[in-house]
Amino acid sequence: MVKFLALPVEIFRFLAALLGIQSIVSLRDGYRFLRYLRWSRAQPPGDFTPFVSLIIPCKGVDPDFELNLTSFLTQDYPNYQLILVVASKRDPAHAVLLALLEKTQSSRPAPKTQLIIAGHSEVRGEKVNNLVRGLAAADSTADVLVFADADARPAKDWLRSLVAPLAATDVTVSTGFRWYLPGPSFVSQLRAAWDTSVATLLGEHNHNFAWGGSTAMRAADFRHLEIAERYWARTVSDDYGVTRAVRDAGGRIRFEPRCLVASLTDFTFREFLSWSNRQIILTRVYVARLWMLGLAAHCIYCGTFALGLVSLALASTSAQARAGIATTLLAILILGCLKGRLRSVVARELFPEDHANLDHYGARYWQLTPLVPWVMLFNFVVAGFTRRIEWRGIEYELRSIDEFKVLRRNES
């Protein structure tokens, strides 16, 4: 009986040891990420500036939509083509884009720009279909293809920085990532803490992934890997498709910290859960092994804390054991908060123009760190039971990496 009552404490010690090692390694990786970011930003701008076709799929009008698109139109880059794609003229983005292009073309020098109507597809997700249709308008002389999202605002040197790594022949894809800034609402703060925990997985190593919001690759490599014909033929996810293609070919994806792009959008809590569930469901379908590893990691974290709290509440737990459990839980929380603090430092160094906002809410990166694993666990568990996602008003059922069904589509 005594051994049975002591069992929760013994299991806790085992799980806590695993979690402690995981937390220390994670914190070390956080410092590596910060060092790599500082090293990258200290380098001179790249001088590899081939002709680029930049393709941006658009759907709906997000906050700061015009400001974001203006940033793409005014890049510090000598020669590039901008292709904007919507699925339908009924999409609210279409009228806004027409007005923006007219205003931009008449007020300042701008890159050659086209607005494409892609139509709808039943075999590709809408974003992927927009990209494929946009490719048809790419200039045949373009040496590099770049794909970006309209809901983020790039810096003036974003395009130059994204393309420059392709000067190295061993780099197949150059990529950045989004960096959500916390706003006044709790949901925007939670989303910032949630998503930047994913961003800091990238770094100077060989297991990076491509992010569709900032991806560049040589046009010749894109054609050679048959991305449009094979990996985008029947998929909802553009970035997982590119990542699979590069890994299948034994290529290299290089993360460029200069191409972390700021995003500040507000959600309702329901929208946040739909968005975060979608990220993990996509992972579950397209990279099942990564989903299983993530599920295990978050089960260990949450299981350790739950078991620790249970052990503290048990009358059979000695005072000495209680002190050890409480100290262990506190140490793990501190390690997590220290990594969250690093994300706050990253945000301040990357986006000094947002210092006022970060002065108010930048601490949320570390203050909400203890909550993020519980939300993540919910996301990972949901992904184990459903393959349905909603993306920009379209509901998909993901049946496999090469098969999905459109369940519902809005009219735009």
Protein backbone atom coordinates (compact mmCIF):
# COMPACT_ATOMS: atom_id res chain seq x y z
CA MET A 1 0.00 0.00 0.00
CA VAL A 2 2.82 2.40 0.88
CA LYS A 3 4.57 1.63 -2.41
CA PHE A 4 1.33 2.27 -4.31
CA LEU A 5 0.87 5.65 -2.64
CA ALA A 6 4.48 6.57 -3.46
CA LEU A 7 4.05 5.61 -7.12
CA PRO A 8 2.83 9.05 -8.35
CA VAL A 9 5.92 10.69 -6.85
CA GLU A 10 8.24 8.15 -8.50
CA ILE A 11 6.55 8.58 -11.89
CA PHE A 12 6.75 12.35 -11.44
CA ARG A 13 10.50 12.16 -10.81
CA PHE A 14 11.01 10.17 -14.00
CA LEU A 15 8.89 12.51 -16.14
CA ALA A 16 10.43 15.59 -14.52
CA ALA A 17 13.90 14.36 -15.42
CA LEU A 18 12.85 13.99 -19.06
CA LEU A 19 11.15 17.37 -19.04
CA GLY A 20 14.10 19.04 -17.35
CA ILE A 21 16.47 17.80 -20.05
CA GLN A 22 14.00 18.87 -22.74
CA SER A 23 13.66 22.34 -21.18
CA ILE A 24 17.44 22.85 -20.92
CA VAL A 25 17.96 21.79 -24.54
CA SER A 26 15.11 24.08 -25.63
CA LEU A 27 16.62 27.04 -23.79
CA ARG A 28 20.02 26.33 -25.34
CA ASP A 29 18.38 26.28 -28.79
CA GLY A 30 16.74 29.63 -27.95
CA TYR A 31 20.14 31.20 -27.31
CA ARG A 32 21.45 29.67 -30.54
CA PHE A 33 18.51 31.22 -32.40
CA LEU A 34 19.27 34.65 -30.92
CA ARG A 35 22.98 34.38 -31.74
CA TYR A 36 22.20 33.33 -35.31
CA LEU A 37 19.76 36.21 -35.72
CA ARG A 38 22.33 38.74 -34.46
CA TRP A 39 25.04 37.28 -36.68
CA SER A 40 22.77 37.40 -39.72
CA ARG A 41 21.70 40.99 -39.11
CA ALA A 42 25.32 42.05 -38.73
CA GLN A 43 26.22 40.81 -42.21
CA PRO A 44 26.18 43.25 -45.15
CA PRO A 45 23.18 43.04 -47.49
CA GLY A 46 23.56 40.44 -50.20
CA ASP A 47 24.59 41.52 -53.69
CA PHE A 48 23.03 38.54 -55.48
CA THR A 49 20.07 40.21 -57.18
CA PRO A 50 18.84 38.19 -60.19
CA PHE A 51 15.52 38.96 -61.83
CA VAL A 52 12.70 37.75 -59.58
CA SER A 53 9.05 36.86 -60.09
CA LEU A 54 7.27 37.49 -56.80
CA ILE A 55 3.86 35.78 -56.48
CA ILE A 56 1.41 36.72 -53.74
CA PRO A 57 -1.94 34.90 -53.40
CA CYS A 58 -4.64 37.09 -51.83
CA LYS A 59 -8.00 36.36 -50.27
CA GLY A 60 -10.07 38.86 -48.35
CA VAL A 61 -8.92 42.17 -46.93
CA ASP A 62 -6.95 41.87 -43.70
CA PRO A 63 -6.14 44.81 -41.41
CA ASP A 64 -3.31 46.87 -42.95
CA PHE A 65 -3.82 45.02 -46.25
CA GLU A 66 -2.91 48.06 -48.37
CA LEU A 67 0.08 48.90 -46.19
CA ASN A 68 1.37 45.34 -46.46
CA LEU A 69 0.99 45.25 -50.24
CA THR A 70 2.65 48.66 -50.56
CA SER A 71 5.67 47.17 -48.77
CA PHE A 72 5.91 44.47 -51.44
CA LEU A 73 5.58 47.09 -54.18
CA THR A 74 8.41 49.22 -52.82
CA GLN A 75 11.15 46.72 -52.10
CA ASP A 76 14.79 47.81 -52.29
CA TYR A 77 15.51 45.45 -55.16
CA PRO A 78 16.73 46.37 -58.65
CA ASN A 79 14.53 44.22 -60.86
CA TYR A 80 11.48 42.16 -59.98
CA GLN A 81 8.01 41.33 -61.21
CA LEU A 82 5.03 41.28 -58.84
CA ILE A 83 2.13 38.91 -59.53
CA LEU A 84 -0.98 39.26 -57.35
CA VAL A 85 -3.55 36.49 -57.55
CA VAL A 86 -7.15 36.21 -56.35
CA ALA A 87 -9.55 33.35 -57.00
CA SER A 88 -12.45 35.53 -58.13
CA LYS A 89 -13.37 39.10 -58.97
CA ARG A 90 -15.95 38.76 -56.21
CA ASP A 91 -13.20 38.47 -53.64
CA PRO A 92 -13.11 41.77 -51.67
CA ALA A 93 -9.34 41.90 -52.26
CA HIS A 94 -9.83 42.33 -56.02
CA ALA A 95 -11.28 45.84 -55.94
CA VAL A 96 -8.79 46.95 -53.30
CA LEU A 97 -5.88 45.62 -55.34
CA LEU A 98 -7.07 47.36 -58.51
CA ALA A 99 -7.27 50.70 -56.69
CA LEU A 100 -3.93 50.18 -54.99
CA LEU A 101 -2.15 49.31 -58.23
CA GLU A 102 -3.61 52.32 -59.99
CA LYS A 103 -2.52 54.62 -57.19
CA THR A 104 0.94 53.07 -56.92
CA GLN A 105 1.68 53.07 -60.62
CA SER A 106 0.77 56.74 -60.94
CA SER A 107 2.59 57.98 -57.84
CA ARG A 108 6.00 56.32 -57.90
CA PRO A 109 8.22 53.94 -59.89
CA ALA A 110 6.99 50.42 -59.28
CA PRO A 111 7.83 46.91 -60.47
CA LYS A 112 5.97 45.39 -63.37
CA THR A 113 2.75 44.15 -61.78
CA GLN A 114 -0.06 41.84 -62.85
CA LEU A 115 -3.35 40.96 -61.19
CA ILE A 116 -4.49 37.43 -62.03
CA ILE A 117 -7.89 35.79 -61.57
CA ALA A 118 -7.18 32.13 -60.80
CA GLY A 119 -10.67 30.65 -60.53
CA HIS A 120 -11.52 27.76 -58.22
CA SER A 121 -10.15 24.23 -58.13
CA GLU A 122 -11.47 20.99 -56.67
CA VAL A 123 -8.08 19.27 -56.70
CA ARG A 124 -5.91 21.98 -55.12
CA GLY A 125 -6.49 24.22 -52.13
CA GLU A 126 -7.35 27.79 -53.07
CA LYS A 127 -4.01 29.25 -52.02
CA VAL A 128 -2.07 26.57 -53.91
CA ASN A 129 -4.28 27.04 -56.97
CA ASN A 130 -3.63 30.78 -56.87
CA LEU A 131 0.10 30.12 -56.78
CA VAL A 132 -0.05 27.66 -59.68
CA ARG A 133 -2.07 30.12 -61.79
CA GLY A 134 0.32 32.89 -60.84
CA LEU A 135 3.25 30.82 -62.07
CA ALA A 136 1.77 30.89 -65.56
CA ALA A 137 2.22 34.68 -65.56
CA ALA A 138 5.83 34.56 -64.35
CA ASP A 139 8.31 36.05 -66.79
CA SER A 140 10.21 33.33 -68.64
CA THR A 141 13.47 35.16 -67.93
CA ALA A 142 12.98 35.10 -64.14
CA ASP A 143 15.91 33.39 -62.44
CA VAL A 144 14.23 33.17 -59.03
CA LEU A 145 10.66 32.53 -57.91
CA VAL A 146 9.50 34.05 -54.63
CA PHE A 147 6.24 33.30 -52.81
CA ALA A 148 4.80 35.50 -50.07
CA ASP A 149 1.66 36.12 -48.03
CA ALA A 150 -0.32 39.34 -48.04
CA ASP A 151 -1.06 39.36 -44.30
CA ALA A 152 2.47 40.31 -43.23
CA ARG A 153 4.54 43.44 -43.74
CA PRO A 154 8.10 42.90 -45.00
CA ALA A 155 10.99 45.28 -44.40
CA LYS A 156 12.46 47.24 -47.33
CA ASP A 157 15.35 44.78 -47.69
CA TRP A 158 13.20 41.65 -47.31
CA LEU A 159 13.39 40.55 -50.96
CA ARG A 160 17.13 41.21 -51.24
CA SER A 161 17.76 39.30 -48.01
CA LEU A 162 15.54 36.37 -49.03
CA VAL A 163 17.15 35.93 -52.46
CA ALA A 164 20.79 36.45 -51.42
CA PRO A 165 21.34 32.97 -49.88
CA LEU A 166 20.55 31.39 -53.27
CA ALA A 167 23.96 32.59 -54.45
CA ALA A 168 25.23 29.45 -52.70
CA THR A 169 24.63 26.48 -54.97
CA ASP A 170 24.00 24.13 -52.04
CA VAL A 171 20.95 26.16 -50.93
CA THR A 172 17.76 24.94 -52.60
CA VAL A 173 15.27 27.14 -50.74
CA SER A 174 15.68 30.32 -48.74
CA THR A 175 12.90 30.96 -46.25
CA GLY A 176 11.77 33.29 -43.50
CA PHE A 177 8.88 33.05 -41.07
CA ARG A 178 6.12 35.17 -39.56
CA TRP A 179 6.58 36.82 -36.19
CA TYR A 180 3.34 37.73 -34.46
CA LEU A 181 3.44 40.83 -32.30
CA PRO A 182 1.22 40.91 -29.21
CA GLY A 183 -1.59 43.47 -29.23
CA PRO A 184 -3.96 44.79 -26.56
CA SER A 185 -6.22 41.72 -26.52
CA PHE A 186 -5.39 38.54 -24.62
CA VAL A 187 -5.98 36.43 -27.74
CA SER A 188 -3.43 38.35 -29.83
CA GLN A 189 -0.94 37.98 -26.99
CA LEU A 190 -1.57 34.24 -26.72
CA ARG A 191 -1.25 33.83 -30.47
CA ALA A 192 2.09 35.67 -30.41
CA ALA A 193 3.40 33.43 -27.63
CA TRP A 194 2.05 30.29 -29.37
CA ASP A 195 3.43 30.98 -32.83
CA THR A 196 6.86 32.33 -31.90
CA SER A 197 7.47 29.07 -30.05
CA VAL A 198 7.33 27.49 -33.53
CA ALA A 199 9.44 30.22 -35.17
CA THR A 200 12.38 29.56 -32.86
CA LEU A 201 12.57 25.96 -34.08
CA LEU A 202 14.22 27.36 -37.21
CA GLY A 203 17.93 28.07 -37.25
CA GLU A 204 21.34 27.28 -38.65
CA HIS A 205 20.78 23.54 -39.08
CA ASN A 206 19.61 21.00 -41.63
CA HIS A 207 16.04 20.37 -40.50
CA ASN A 208 14.41 23.68 -41.40
CA PHE A 209 11.06 23.80 -43.15
CA ALA A 210 9.86 26.16 -45.87
CA TRP A 211 7.29 28.79 -44.91
CA GLY A 212 5.02 29.85 -47.78
CA GLY A 213 4.90 33.46 -46.58
CA SER A 214 8.58 33.97 -47.45
CA THR A 215 10.02 31.35 -49.79
CA ALA A 216 12.56 31.82 -52.58
CA MET A 217 14.09 29.27 -54.92
CA ARG A 218 15.76 29.24 -58.28
CA ALA A 219 13.25 28.80 -61.10
CA ALA A 220 15.38 26.00 -62.55
CA ASP A 221 15.23 24.08 -59.25
CA PHE A 222 11.47 24.64 -58.98
CA ARG A 223 11.00 23.10 -62.42
CA HIS A 224 13.51 20.30 -61.82
CA LEU A 225 11.79 19.23 -58.60
CA GLU A 226 8.41 19.33 -60.40
CA ILE A 227 6.83 21.11 -57.48
CA ALA A 228 3.81 22.40 -59.39
CA GLU A 229 3.24 19.10 -61.20
CA ARG A 230 3.86 16.69 -58.30
CA TYR A 231 3.85 18.35 -54.89
CA TRP A 232 1.24 21.04 -55.54
CA ALA A 233 -0.96 18.94 -57.82
CA ARG A 234 -3.41 17.74 -55.17
CA THR A 235 -2.66 19.51 -51.92
CA VAL A 236 -3.89 22.24 -49.60
CA SER A 237 -0.48 23.14 -48.15
CA ASP A 238 2.03 24.99 -50.30
CA ASP A 239 4.85 25.09 -47.75
CA TYR A 240 4.65 21.42 -46.76
CA GLY A 241 4.69 20.61 -50.48
CA VAL A 242 7.89 22.58 -51.02
CA THR A 243 9.47 21.10 -47.90
CA ARG A 244 8.67 17.55 -49.05
CA ALA A 245 10.06 18.21 -52.51
CA VAL A 246 13.35 19.56 -51.18
CA ARG A 247 13.79 16.75 -48.65
CA ASP A 248 12.93 14.06 -51.20
CA ALA A 249 15.66 15.48 -53.45
CA GLY A 250 18.20 15.77 -50.63
CA GLY A 251 18.29 19.57 -50.94
CA ARG A 252 18.84 22.22 -48.30
CA ILE A 253 16.44 24.78 -46.82
CA ARG A 254 18.19 27.81 -45.37
CA PHE A 255 16.46 29.98 -42.80
CA GLU A 256 17.20 33.71 -43.19
CA PRO A 257 16.48 35.63 -39.94
CA ARG A 258 16.38 38.93 -41.85
CA CYS A 259 13.16 37.63 -43.41
CA LEU A 260 11.16 37.28 -40.23
CA VAL A 261 8.12 39.41 -41.04
CA ALA A 262 5.94 41.17 -38.50
CA SER A 263 2.25 40.45 -38.25
CA LEU A 264 -0.25 42.01 -35.86
CA THR A 265 -3.80 40.77 -36.22
CA ASP A 266 -6.56 40.33 -33.69
CA PHE A 267 -8.68 37.21 -33.35
CA THR A 268 -11.58 36.05 -31.29
CA PHE A 269 -10.68 33.08 -29.09
CA ARG A 270 -12.73 30.80 -31.34
CA GLU A 271 -10.85 32.04 -34.42
CA PHE A 272 -7.54 31.50 -32.64
CA LEU A 273 -8.41 27.90 -31.80
CA SER A 274 -9.56 27.28 -35.39
CA TRP A 275 -6.28 28.75 -36.68
CA SER A 276 -4.02 26.91 -34.23
CA ASN A 277 -5.87 23.61 -34.74
CA ARG A 278 -5.42 24.04 -38.49
CA GLN A 279 -1.64 24.38 -38.14
CA ILE A 280 -1.40 21.11 -36.24
CA ILE A 281 -3.95 19.22 -38.37
CA LEU A 282 -1.90 20.12 -41.44
CA THR A 283 1.17 18.78 -39.65
CA ARG A 284 -0.73 15.61 -38.71
CA VAL A 285 -1.65 14.95 -42.35
CA TYR A 286 1.53 16.03 -44.13
CA VAL A 287 4.23 15.17 -41.55
CA ALA A 288 2.71 12.56 -39.26
CA ARG A 289 6.02 11.75 -37.56
CA LEU A 290 6.46 15.38 -36.49
CA TRP A 291 2.90 15.41 -35.11
CA MET A 292 3.60 12.29 -33.04
CA LEU A 293 6.82 13.78 -31.63
CA GLY A 294 5.02 17.01 -30.77
CA LEU A 295 2.16 15.14 -29.13
CA ALA A 296 4.60 13.12 -27.01
CA ALA A 297 6.54 16.24 -25.97
CA HIS A 298 3.42 18.12 -24.87
CA CYS A 299 2.02 15.06 -23.10
CA ILE A 300 5.24 14.86 -21.10
CA TYR A 301 5.08 18.54 -20.19
CA CYS A 302 1.42 18.63 -19.19
CA GLY A 303 1.53 15.16 -17.66
CA THR A 304 4.48 16.14 -15.48
CA PHE A 305 2.74 19.23 -14.17
CA ALA A 306 -0.57 17.43 -13.62
CA LEU A 307 1.13 14.57 -11.78
CA GLY A 308 3.21 16.99 -9.77
CA LEU A 309 0.12 18.85 -8.59
CA VAL A 310 -1.60 15.56 -7.74
CA SER A 311 1.44 14.45 -5.76
CA LEU A 312 1.46 17.74 -3.85
CA ALA A 313 -2.18 17.19 -2.92
CA LEU A 314 -1.72 13.62 -1.69
CA ALA A 315 -1.66 13.28 2.08
CA SER A 316 0.89 10.47 1.73
CA THR A 317 3.48 12.78 0.14
CA SER A 318 6.14 13.73 2.68
CA ALA A 319 7.11 17.33 3.33
CA GLN A 320 10.54 16.68 1.84
CA ALA A 321 8.99 15.23 -1.33
CA ARG A 322 6.61 18.17 -1.57
CA ALA A 323 9.50 20.61 -1.40
CA GLY A 324 11.34 18.71 -4.13
CA ILE A 325 8.28 18.58 -6.39
CA ALA A 326 7.51 22.28 -5.94
CA THR A 327 11.14 23.22 -6.60
CA THR A 328 11.24 21.07 -9.72
CA LEU A 329 8.03 22.53 -11.15
CA LEU A 330 9.23 26.05 -10.43
CA ALA A 331 12.59 25.37 -12.11
CA ILE A 332 10.87 24.06 -15.25
CA LEU A 333 8.58 27.10 -15.33
CA ILE A 334 11.59 29.40 -15.01
CA LEU A 335 13.43 27.65 -17.86
CA GLY A 336 10.36 28.06 -20.09
CA CYS A 337 9.94 31.71 -19.14
CA LEU A 338 13.61 32.38 -19.86
CA LYS A 339 13.13 31.09 -23.40
CA GLY A 340 9.99 33.22 -23.68
CA ARG A 341 12.08 36.19 -22.55
CA LEU A 342 14.45 35.50 -25.45
CA ARG A 343 11.51 35.86 -27.84
CA SER A 344 10.78 39.26 -26.37
CA VAL A 345 14.41 40.24 -27.00
CA VAL A 346 14.16 38.97 -30.59
CA ALA A 347 11.00 41.03 -31.20
CA ARG A 348 12.59 44.22 -29.86
CA GLU A 349 15.72 43.78 -31.98
CA LEU A 350 13.83 42.85 -35.14
CA PHE A 351 11.09 45.45 -34.97
CA PRO A 352 12.37 48.60 -33.24
CA GLU A 353 9.64 50.61 -34.97
CA ASP A 354 7.12 48.75 -32.81
CA HIS A 355 8.88 49.60 -29.55
CA ALA A 356 5.83 51.35 -28.06
CA ASN A 357 3.66 48.29 -28.56
CA LEU A 358 6.38 45.97 -27.27
CA ASP A 359 6.95 48.19 -24.23
CA HIS A 360 3.32 47.56 -23.30
CA TYR A 361 2.88 43.92 -24.32
CA GLY A 362 6.33 42.43 -25.07
CA ALA A 363 6.44 40.69 -21.70
CA ARG A 364 3.54 38.48 -22.79
CA TYR A 365 6.01 36.34 -24.73
CA TRP A 366 7.34 34.97 -21.43
CA GLN A 367 4.35 35.59 -19.16
CA LEU A 368 2.12 33.34 -21.29
CA THR A 369 4.78 30.68 -21.81
CA PRO A 370 3.34 28.37 -19.12
CA LEU A 371 -0.05 28.42 -20.87
CA VAL A 372 1.18 27.66 -24.39
CA PRO A 373 1.95 23.91 -23.88
CA TRP A 374 -1.61 23.31 -22.63
CA VAL A 375 -3.08 25.01 -25.71
CA MET A 376 -0.65 23.06 -27.88
CA LEU A 377 -1.68 19.79 -26.24
CA PHE A 378 -5.30 20.61 -27.03
CA ASN A 379 -4.32 21.32 -30.67
CA PHE A 380 -2.35 18.07 -30.98
CA VAL A 381 -5.14 15.99 -29.46
CA VAL A 382 -7.77 17.60 -31.73
CA ALA A 383 -5.56 16.78 -34.72
CA GLY A 384 -5.68 13.13 -33.71
CA PHE A 385 -9.47 13.02 -34.07
CA THR A 386 -10.27 15.21 -37.09
CA ARG A 387 -8.86 16.09 -40.47
CA ARG A 388 -11.24 18.95 -41.15
CA ILE A 389 -9.91 22.48 -41.34
CA GLU A 390 -11.32 25.87 -42.24
CA TRP A 391 -9.04 28.17 -44.19
CA ARG A 392 -10.20 31.61 -45.27
CA GLY A 393 -13.86 30.65 -45.43
CA ILE A 394 -13.31 27.28 -47.10
CA GLU A 395 -13.77 24.01 -45.22
CA TYR A 396 -11.59 21.11 -46.30
CA GLU A 397 -11.42 17.46 -45.30
CA LEU A 398 -7.82 16.27 -45.64
CA ARG A 399 -7.90 12.56 -46.47
CA SER A 400 -4.21 12.04 -47.25
CA ILE A 401 -1.20 14.00 -48.45
CA ASP A 402 -2.57 13.73 -51.99
CA GLU A 403 -6.32 13.82 -51.44
CA PHE A 404 -8.82 16.23 -49.93
CA LYS A 405 -12.42 17.28 -50.37
CA VAL A 406 -13.93 20.76 -50.34
CA LEU A 407 -16.85 20.58 -47.90
CA ARG A 408 -17.90 24.22 -48.01
CA ARG A 409 -16.78 27.28 -49.95
CA ASN A 410 -17.73 30.91 -49.54
CA GLU A 411 -18.91 32.73 -52.65
CA SER A 412 -15.87 34.91 -53.27
